Structures are given as C-alpha cells and as structure tokens.
Amino acid sequence: MEKRIGVVGIVVENREKSAGYVNEILSDYGEMIVGRMGIPYHKRGVSVISIIVEGSVDQIQEVRQKLSEVPEVTVEAALTREAFDD
C-alpha cells in the first residue's frame, strides 16, 4: 500500500465540549500517528494540536473528515507529494 507522511493541524475552540471526541478519534487512528503535540492557549480559550501521520491518502482523509465533523473543531492537512511503499 502506498503511504504518505503528513501533518494534520487541529484547532479546538471549545475544549470542554469537543476534546473528548477529538481524543477518541485520534485513539481510533493511533496506528497511523507518528507523533503528537498539543498546546492549550488558555488566554484565547483555544487548543491547537498537530499530529504527524503516515498512512494512505484515504486513511488520512478519513481521520480528517471525522475530526471535521466535531463541533467547534477546524482541521487542515498537508501531505508529502511522494508516496512510499511498505
């Protein structure tokens, strides 16, 4: 299967309401997550999470879509142009 490496940026605007859903989705896709960094920006009431992923384009789009469905969550992804074979 061709895989790509990328970063998924997640902005959570209501942590109390949405963080549990975001963490559940990320846990479901844990096998494709290479690394994760989360920064709570208390002054603005926003949390920013970046995850480094390795997976097929379909897998990465799937996790991106599921995260986008969570209320008050914004998601963007950037992937390598070159694919890698396992």
PDB file of N, CA and C in Angstrom:
ATOM      1  N   MET A   1       0.844  -1.177   0.000  1.00  0.00           N
ATOM      2  CA  MET A   1       0.000   0.000   0.000  1.00  0.00           C
ATOM      3  C   MET A   1       0.891   1.242   0.000  1.00  0.00           C
ATOM      4  N   GLU A   2       0.541   2.185  -0.843  1.00  0.00           N
ATOM      5  CA  GLU A   2       1.272   3.454  -0.862  1.00  0.00           C
ATOM      6  C   GLU A   2       0.877   4.301   0.340  1.00  0.00           C
ATOM      7  N   LYS A   3       1.874   4.830   1.013  1.00  0.00           N
ATOM      8  CA  LYS A   3       1.626   5.685   2.174  1.00  0.00           C
ATOM      9  C   LYS A   3       2.279   7.033   1.953  1.00  0.00           C
ATOM     10  N   ARG A   4       1.744   8.009   2.632  1.00  0.00           N
ATOM     11  CA  ARG A   4       2.322   9.348   2.628  1.00  0.00           C
ATOM     12  C   ARG A   4       2.550   9.779   4.074  1.00  0.00           C
ATOM     13  N   ILE A   5       3.443  10.707   4.234  1.00  0.00           N
ATOM     14  CA  ILE A   5       3.705  11.298   5.545  1.00  0.00           C
ATOM     15  C   ILE A   5       3.116  12.699   5.510  1.00  0.00           C
ATOM     16  N   GLY A   6       2.539  13.107   6.611  1.00  0.00           N
ATOM     17  CA  GLY A   6       1.944  14.433   6.626  1.00  0.00           C
ATOM     18  C   GLY A   6       1.727  14.953   8.030  1.00  0.00           C
ATOM     19  N   VAL A   7       1.197  16.146   8.059  1.00  0.00           N
ATOM     20  CA  VAL A   7       0.830  16.781   9.322  1.00  0.00           C
ATOM     21  C   VAL A   7      -0.647  17.145   9.247  1.00  0.00           C
ATOM     22  N   VAL A   8      -1.343  16.889  10.336  1.00  0.00           N
ATOM     23  CA  VAL A   8      -2.742  17.281  10.454  1.00  0.00           C
ATOM     24  C   VAL A   8      -2.812  18.309  11.574  1.00  0.00           C
ATOM     25  N   GLY A   9      -3.268  19.504  11.242  1.00  0.00           N
ATOM     26  CA  GLY A   9      -3.421  20.575  12.221  1.00  0.00           C
ATOM     27  C   GLY A   9      -4.864  20.649  12.681  1.00  0.00           C
ATOM     28  N   ILE A  10      -5.060  20.697  13.985  1.00  0.00           N
ATOM     29  CA  ILE A  10      -6.401  20.691  14.573  1.00  0.00           C
ATOM     30  C   ILE A  10      -6.526  21.879  15.516  1.00  0.00           C
ATOM     31  N   VAL A  11      -7.570  22.679  15.338  1.00  0.00           N
ATOM     32  CA  VAL A  11      -7.859  23.794  16.240  1.00  0.00           C
ATOM     33  C   VAL A  11      -9.173  23.475  16.949  1.00  0.00           C
ATOM     34  N   VAL A  12      -9.129  23.435  18.272  1.00  0.00           N
ATOM     35  CA  VAL A  12     -10.304  23.136  19.092  1.00  0.00           C
ATOM     36  C   VAL A  12     -10.704  24.422  19.799  1.00  0.00           C
ATOM     37  N   GLU A  13     -11.897  24.926  19.483  1.00  0.00           N
ATOM     38  CA  GLU A  13     -12.333  26.208  20.041  1.00  0.00           C
ATOM     39  C   GLU A  13     -13.167  26.085  21.309  1.00  0.00           C
ATOM     40  N   ASN A  14     -13.599  24.888  21.655  1.00  0.00           N
ATOM     41  CA  ASN A  14     -14.339  24.681  22.897  1.00  0.00           C
ATOM     42  C   ASN A  14     -13.861  23.359  23.494  1.00  0.00           C
ATOM     43  N   ARG A  15     -12.814  23.438  24.281  1.00  0.00           N
ATOM     44  CA  ARG A  15     -12.153  22.235  24.795  1.00  0.00           C
ATOM     45  C   ARG A  15     -13.098  21.355  25.608  1.00  0.00           C
ATOM     46  N   GLU A  16     -13.876  21.948  26.482  1.00  0.00           N
ATOM     47  CA  GLU A  16     -14.774  21.167  27.335  1.00  0.00           C
ATOM     48  C   GLU A  16     -15.774  20.371  26.507  1.00  0.00           C
ATOM     49  N   LYS A  17     -16.246  20.950  25.436  1.00  0.00           N
ATOM     50  CA  LYS A  17     -17.276  20.322  24.604  1.00  0.00           C
ATOM     51  C   LYS A  17     -16.692  19.313  23.621  1.00  0.00           C
ATOM     52  N   SER A  18     -15.514  19.588  23.082  1.00  0.00           N
ATOM     53  CA  SER A  18     -15.027  18.832  21.930  1.00  0.00           C
ATOM     54  C   SER A  18     -13.813  17.944  22.172  1.00  0.00           C
ATOM     55  N   ALA A  19     -13.031  18.193  23.205  1.00  0.00           N
ATOM     56  CA  ALA A  19     -11.759  17.477  23.392  1.00  0.00           C
ATOM     57  C   ALA A  19     -11.941  15.968  23.512  1.00  0.00           C
ATOM     58  N   GLY A  20     -12.965  15.534  24.197  1.00  0.00           N
ATOM     59  CA  GLY A  20     -13.203  14.096  24.352  1.00  0.00           C
ATOM     60  C   GLY A  20     -13.420  13.405  23.019  1.00  0.00           C
ATOM     61  N   TYR A  21     -14.209  14.037  22.150  1.00  0.00           N
ATOM     62  CA  TYR A  21     -14.465  13.476  20.820  1.00  0.00           C
ATOM     63  C   TYR A  21     -13.181  13.433  19.993  1.00  0.00           C
ATOM     64  N   VAL A  22     -12.409  14.504  20.045  1.00  0.00           N
ATOM     65  CA  VAL A  22     -11.149  14.566  19.289  1.00  0.00           C
ATOM     66  C   VAL A  22     -10.207  13.465  19.764  1.00  0.00           C
ATOM     67  N   ASN A  23     -10.043  13.315  21.063  1.00  0.00           N
ATOM     68  CA  ASN A  23      -9.142  12.290  21.600  1.00  0.00           C
ATOM     69  C   ASN A  23      -9.607  10.877  21.260  1.00  0.00           C
ATOM     70  N   GLU A  24     -10.910  10.662  21.249  1.00  0.00           N
ATOM     71  CA  GLU A  24     -11.448   9.347  20.884  1.00  0.00           C
ATOM     72  C   GLU A  24     -11.125   9.009  19.426  1.00  0.00           C
ATOM     73  N   ILE A  25     -11.304   9.976  18.535  1.00  0.00           N
ATOM     74  CA  ILE A  25     -10.997   9.761  17.116  1.00  0.00           C
ATOM     75  C   ILE A  25      -9.509   9.507  16.934  1.00  0.00           C
ATOM     76  N   LEU A  26      -8.672  10.310  17.578  1.00  0.00           N
ATOM     77  CA  LEU A  26      -7.226  10.121  17.450  1.00  0.00           C
ATOM     78  C   LEU A  26      -6.803   8.755  17.991  1.00  0.00           C
ATOM     79  N   SER A  27      -7.434   8.298  19.044  1.00  0.00           N
ATOM     80  CA  SER A  27      -7.138   6.975  19.592  1.00  0.00           C
ATOM     81  C   SER A  27      -7.521   5.879  18.598  1.00  0.00           C
ATOM     82  N   ASP A  28      -8.654   6.056  17.916  1.00  0.00           N
ATOM     83  CA  ASP A  28      -9.098   5.078  16.916  1.00  0.00           C
ATOM     84  C   ASP A  28      -8.104   4.944  15.765  1.00  0.00           C
ATOM     85  N   TYR A  29      -7.381   6.018  15.461  1.00  0.00           N
ATOM     86  CA  TYR A  29      -6.424   6.025  14.354  1.00  0.00           C
ATOM     87  C   TYR A  29      -4.981   6.039  14.858  1.00  0.00           C
ATOM     88  N   GLY A  30      -4.773   5.594  16.072  1.00  0.00           N
ATOM     89  CA  GLY A  30      -3.460   5.654  16.704  1.00  0.00           C
ATOM     90  C   GLY A  30      -2.352   4.954  15.945  1.00  0.00           C
ATOM     91  N   GLU A  31      -2.684   3.915  15.182  1.00  0.00           N
ATOM     92  CA  GLU A  31      -1.650   3.166  14.463  1.00  0.00           C
ATOM     93  C   GLU A  31      -0.976   3.982  13.369  1.00  0.00           C
ATOM     94  N   MET A  32      -1.626   5.046  12.909  1.00  0.00           N
ATOM     95  CA  MET A  32      -1.020   5.865  11.850  1.00  0.00           C
ATOM     96  C   MET A  32      -0.371   7.141  12.391  1.00  0.00           C
ATOM     97  N   ILE A  33      -0.494   7.395  13.688  1.00  0.00           N
ATOM     98  CA  ILE A  33       0.073   8.603  14.286  1.00  0.00           C
ATOM     99  C   ILE A  33       1.526   8.347  14.689  1.00  0.00           C
ATOM    100  N   VAL A  34       2.427   9.136  14.121  1.00  0.00           N
ATOM    101  CA  VAL A  34       3.857   9.038  14.414  1.00  0.00           C
ATOM    102  C   VAL A  34       4.208   9.905  15.624  1.00  0.00           C
ATOM    103  N   GLY A  35       3.562  11.059  15.742  1.00  0.00           N
ATOM    104  CA  GLY A  35       3.822  11.972  16.850  1.00  0.00           C
ATOM    105  C   GLY A  35       2.677  12.951  17.018  1.00  0.00           C
ATOM    106  N   ARG A  36       2.593  13.520  18.209  1.00  0.00           N
ATOM    107  CA  ARG A  36       1.502  14.450  18.513  1.00  0.00           C
ATOM    108  C   ARG A  36       2.011  15.529  19.457  1.00  0.00           C
ATOM    109  N   MET A  37       1.562  16.762  19.203  1.00  0.00           N
ATOM    110  CA  MET A  37       1.872  17.864  20.107  1.00  0.00           C
ATOM    111  C   MET A  37       0.596  18.687  20.277  1.00  0.00           C
ATOM    112  N   GLY A  38       0.221  18.922  21.512  1.00  0.00           N
ATOM    113  CA  GLY A  38      -0.953  19.734  21.794  1.00  0.00           C
ATOM    114  C   GLY A  38      -0.590  20.923  22.662  1.00  0.00           C
ATOM    115  N   ILE A  39      -1.093  22.082  22.281  1.00  0.00           N
ATOM    116  CA  ILE A  39      -0.813  23.312  23.019  1.00  0.00           C
ATOM    117  C   ILE A  39      -2.136  23.961  23.427  1.00  0.00           C
ATOM    118  N   PRO A  40      -2.439  24.019  24.727  1.00  0.00           N
ATOM    119  CA  PRO A  40      -3.617  24.765  25.163  1.00  0.00           C
ATOM    120  C   PRO A  40      -3.262  26.249  25.256  1.00  0.00           C
ATOM    121  N   TYR A  41      -3.988  27.060  24.532  1.00  0.00           N
ATOM    122  CA  TYR A  41      -3.744  28.510  24.553  1.00  0.00           C
ATOM    123  C   TYR A  41      -4.830  29.113  25.443  1.00  0.00           C
ATOM    124  N   HIS A  42      -4.580  29.080  26.755  1.00  0.00           N
ATOM    125  CA  HIS A  42      -5.584  29.462  27.743  1.00  0.00           C
ATOM    126  C   HIS A  42      -6.075  30.894  27.574  1.00  0.00           C
ATOM    127  N   LYS A  43      -5.199  31.787  27.215  1.00  0.00           N
ATOM    128  CA  LYS A  43      -5.568  33.195  27.069  1.00  0.00           C
ATOM    129  C   LYS A  43      -6.717  33.379  26.076  1.00  0.00           C
ATOM    130  N   ARG A  44      -6.746  32.555  25.036  1.00  0.00           N
ATOM    131  CA  ARG A  44      -7.776  32.663  23.992  1.00  0.00           C
ATOM    132  C   ARG A  44      -8.829  31.559  24.068  1.00  0.00           C
ATOM    133  N   GLY A  45      -8.651  30.631  24.992  1.00  0.00           N
ATOM    134  CA  GLY A  45      -9.618  29.546  25.130  1.00  0.00           C
ATOM    135  C   GLY A  45      -9.608  28.581  23.955  1.00  0.00           C
ATOM    136  N   VAL A  46      -8.444  28.412  23.346  1.00  0.00           N
ATOM    137  CA  VAL A  46      -8.303  27.568  22.162  1.00  0.00           C
ATOM    138  C   VAL A  46      -7.190  26.556  22.414  1.00  0.00           C
ATOM    139  N   SER A  47      -7.339  25.365  21.875  1.00  0.00           N
ATOM    140  CA  SER A  47      -6.263  24.374  21.898  1.00  0.00           C
ATOM    141  C   SER A  47      -5.853  24.080  20.467  1.00  0.00           C
ATOM    142  N   VAL A  48      -4.553  23.928  20.248  1.00  0.00           N
ATOM    143  CA  VAL A  48      -4.026  23.620  18.922  1.00  0.00           C
ATOM    144  C   VAL A  48      -3.256  22.309  19.028  1.00  0.00           C
ATOM    145  N   ILE A  49      -3.594  21.373  18.159  1.00  0.00           N
ATOM    146  CA  ILE A  49      -2.955  20.061  18.153  1.00  0.00           C
ATOM    147  C   ILE A  49      -2.364  19.833  16.768  1.00  0.00           C
ATOM    148  N   SER A  50      -1.142  19.334  16.737  1.00  0.00           N
ATOM    149  CA  SER A  50      -0.577  18.905  15.455  1.00  0.00           C
ATOM    150  C   SER A  50      -0.192  17.440  15.593  1.00  0.00           C
ATOM    151  N   ILE A  51      -0.572  16.658  14.587  1.00  0.00           N
ATOM    152  CA  ILE A  51      -0.196  15.251  14.587  1.00  0.00           C
ATOM    153  C   ILE A  51       0.561  14.944  13.297  1.00  0.00           C
ATOM    154  N   ILE A  52       1.610  14.176  13.444  1.00  0.00           N
ATOM    155  CA  ILE A  52       2.365  13.690  12.300  1.00  0.00           C
ATOM    156  C   ILE A  52       1.819  12.295  12.003  1.00  0.00           C
ATOM    157  N   VAL A  53       1.443  12.063  10.746  1.00  0.00           N
ATOM    158  CA  VAL A  53       0.812  10.809  10.367  1.00  0.00           C
ATOM    159  C   VAL A  53       1.561  10.142   9.222  1.00  0.00           C
ATOM    160  N   GLU A  54       1.413   8.827   9.142  1.00  0.00           N
ATOM    161  CA  GLU A  54       1.871   8.058   7.993  1.00  0.00           C
ATOM    162  C   GLU A  54       0.760   7.077   7.654  1.00  0.00           C
ATOM    163  N   GLY A  55       0.205   7.213   6.454  1.00  0.00           N
ATOM    164  CA  GLY A  55      -0.884   6.342   6.039  1.00  0.00           C
ATOM    165  C   GLY A  55      -1.245   6.603   4.596  1.00  0.00           C
ATOM    166  N   SER A  56      -2.207   5.852   4.107  1.00  0.00           N
ATOM    167  CA  SER A  56      -2.677   6.082   2.746  1.00  0.00           C
ATOM    168  C   SER A  56      -3.440   7.404   2.707  1.00  0.00           C
ATOM    169  N   VAL A  57      -3.575   7.949   1.517  1.00  0.00           N
ATOM    170  CA  VAL A  57      -4.329   9.195   1.367  1.00  0.00           C
ATOM    171  C   VAL A  57      -5.747   8.994   1.888  1.00  0.00           C
ATOM    172  N   ASP A  58      -6.350   7.844   1.593  1.00  0.00           N
ATOM    173  CA  ASP A  58      -7.712   7.567   2.056  1.00  0.00           C
ATOM    174  C   ASP A  58      -7.797   7.536   3.580  1.00  0.00           C
ATOM    175  N   GLN A  59      -6.826   6.910   4.237  1.00  0.00           N
ATOM    176  CA  GLN A  59      -6.826   6.853   5.701  1.00  0.00           C
ATOM    177  C   GLN A  59      -6.702   8.245   6.310  1.00  0.00           C
ATOM    178  N   ILE A  60      -5.809   9.037   5.762  1.00  0.00           N
ATOM    179  CA  ILE A  60      -5.590  10.382   6.296  1.00  0.00           C
ATOM    180  C   ILE A  60      -6.816  11.252   6.060  1.00  0.00           C
ATOM    181  N   GLN A  61      -7.434  11.125   4.887  1.00  0.00           N
ATOM    182  CA  GLN A  61      -8.652  11.887   4.602  1.00  0.00           C
ATOM    183  C   GLN A  61      -9.793  11.453   5.521  1.00  0.00           C
ATOM    184  N   GLU A  62      -9.841  10.166   5.829  1.00  0.00           N
ATOM    185  CA  GLU A  62     -10.894   9.654   6.707  1.00  0.00           C
ATOM    186  C   GLU A  62     -10.796  10.257   8.112  1.00  0.00           C
ATOM    187  N   VAL A  63      -9.593  10.262   8.679  1.00  0.00           N
ATOM    188  CA  VAL A  63      -9.433  10.839  10.019  1.00  0.00           C
ATOM    189  C   VAL A  63      -9.694  12.340   9.974  1.00  0.00           C
ATOM    190  N   ARG A  64      -9.265  12.995   8.910  1.00  0.00           N
ATOM    191  CA  ARG A  64      -9.515  14.434   8.756  1.00  0.00           C
ATOM    192  C   ARG A  64     -11.019  14.717   8.702  1.00  0.00           C
ATOM    193  N   GLN A  65     -11.751  13.915   7.948  1.00  0.00           N
ATOM    194  CA  GLN A  65     -13.202  14.102   7.823  1.00  0.00           C
ATOM    195  C   GLN A  65     -13.903  13.891   9.163  1.00  0.00           C
ATOM    196  N   LYS A  66     -13.529  12.839   9.870  1.00  0.00           N
ATOM    197  CA  LYS A  66     -14.163  12.568  11.170  1.00  0.00           C
ATOM    198  C   LYS A  66     -13.897  13.701  12.158  1.00  0.00           C
ATOM    199  N   LEU A  67     -12.671  14.202  12.179  1.00  0.00           N
ATOM    200  CA  LEU A  67     -12.354  15.319  13.070  1.00  0.00           C
ATOM    201  C   LEU A  67     -13.125  16.573  12.673  1.00  0.00           C
ATOM    202  N   SER A  68     -13.315  16.786  11.380  1.00  0.00           N
ATOM    203  CA  SER A  68     -14.033  17.973  10.895  1.00  0.00           C
ATOM    204  C   SER A  68     -15.499  17.964  11.302  1.00  0.00           C
ATOM    205  N   GLU A  69     -16.033  16.788  11.580  1.00  0.00           N
ATOM    206  CA  GLU A  69     -17.438  16.673  11.974  1.00  0.00           C
ATOM    207  C   GLU A  69     -17.671  17.038  13.438  1.00  0.00           C
ATOM    208  N   VAL A  70     -16.611  17.142  14.219  1.00  0.00           N
ATOM    209  CA  VAL A  70     -16.743  17.502  15.639  1.00  0.00           C
ATOM    210  C   VAL A  70     -17.034  18.998  15.728  1.00  0.00           C
ATOM    211  N   PRO A  71     -18.063  19.387  16.508  1.00  0.00           N
ATOM    212  CA  PRO A  71     -18.395  20.812  16.632  1.00  0.00           C
ATOM    213  C   PRO A  71     -17.219  21.633  17.162  1.00  0.00           C
ATOM    214  N   GLU A  72     -17.059  22.814  16.598  1.00  0.00           N
ATOM    215  CA  GLU A  72     -16.047  23.787  17.018  1.00  0.00           C
ATOM    216  C   GLU A  72     -14.613  23.278  16.855  1.00  0.00           C
ATOM    217  N   VAL A  73     -14.415  22.417  15.846  1.00  0.00           N
ATOM    218  CA  VAL A  73     -13.088  21.900  15.512  1.00  0.00           C
ATOM    219  C   VAL A  73     -12.811  22.198  14.044  1.00  0.00           C
ATOM    220  N   THR A  74     -11.622  22.741  13.768  1.00  0.00           N
ATOM    221  CA  THR A  74     -11.178  23.018  12.404  1.00  0.00           C
ATOM    222  C   THR A  74      -9.955  22.157  12.133  1.00  0.00           C
ATOM    223  N   VAL A  75      -9.905  21.550  10.940  1.00  0.00           N
ATOM    224  CA  VAL A  75      -8.829  20.611  10.610  1.00  0.00           C
ATOM    225  C   VAL A  75      -8.281  20.905   9.220  1.00  0.00           C
ATOM    226  N   GLU A  76      -6.960  20.882   9.094  1.00  0.00           N
ATOM    227  CA  GLU A  76      -6.283  21.005   7.795  1.00  0.00           C
ATOM    228  C   GLU A  76      -5.161  19.978   7.757  1.00  0.00           C
ATOM    229  N   ALA A  77      -4.850  19.500   6.555  1.00  0.00           N
ATOM    230  CA  ALA A  77      -3.785  18.510   6.407  1.00  0.00           C
ATOM    231  C   ALA A  77      -2.863  18.885   5.258  1.00  0.00           C
ATOM    232  N   ALA A  78      -1.598  18.526   5.399  1.00  0.00           N
ATOM    233  CA  ALA A  78      -0.605  18.682   4.332  1.00  0.00           C
ATOM    234  C   ALA A  78       0.173  17.375   4.250  1.00  0.00           C
ATOM    235  N   LEU A  79       0.302  16.838   3.025  1.00  0.00           N
ATOM    236  CA  LEU A  79       0.944  15.544   2.820  1.00  0.00           C
ATOM    237  C   LEU A  79       2.122  15.653   1.871  1.00  0.00           C
ATOM    238  N   THR A  80       3.024  14.679   1.973  1.00  0.00           N
ATOM    239  CA  THR A  80       4.119  14.616   1.013  1.00  0.00           C
ATOM    240  C   THR A  80       3.549  14.353  -0.375  1.00  0.00           C
ATOM    241  N   ARG A  81       4.205  14.887  -1.376  1.00  0.00           N
ATOM    242  CA  ARG A  81       3.786  14.616  -2.758  1.00  0.00           C
ATOM    243  C   ARG A  81       4.161  13.200  -3.152  1.00  0.00           C
ATOM    244  N   GLU A  82       5.314  12.765  -2.649  1.00  0.00           N
ATOM    245  CA  GLU A  82       5.813  11.432  -2.985  1.00  0.00           C
ATOM    246  C   GLU A  82       5.204  10.394  -2.054  1.00  0.00           C
ATOM    247  N   ALA A  83       4.797   9.267  -2.631  1.00  0.00           N
ATOM    248  CA  ALA A  83       4.270   8.162  -1.838  1.00  0.00           C
ATOM    249  C   ALA A  83       5.393   7.175  -1.539  1.00  0.00           C
ATOM    250  N   PHE A  84       5.245   6.454  -0.445  1.00  0.00           N
ATOM    251  CA  PHE A  84       6.215   5.451  -0.024  1.00  0.00           C
ATOM    252  C   PHE A  84       5.528   4.094   0.001  1.00  0.00           C
ATOM    253  N   ASP A  85       6.205   3.074  -0.485  1.00  0.00           N
ATOM    254  CA  ASP A  85       5.670   1.713  -0.439  1.00  0.00           C
ATOM    255  C   ASP A  85       6.188   1.004   0.797  1.00  0.00           C
ATOM    256  N   ASP A  86       5.328   0.203   1.389  1.00  0.00           N
ATOM    257  CA  ASP A  86       5.759  -0.613   2.534  1.00  0.00           C
ATOM    258  C   ASP A  86       6.219  -1.953   2.067  1.00  0.00           C
TER     259      ASP A  86
END
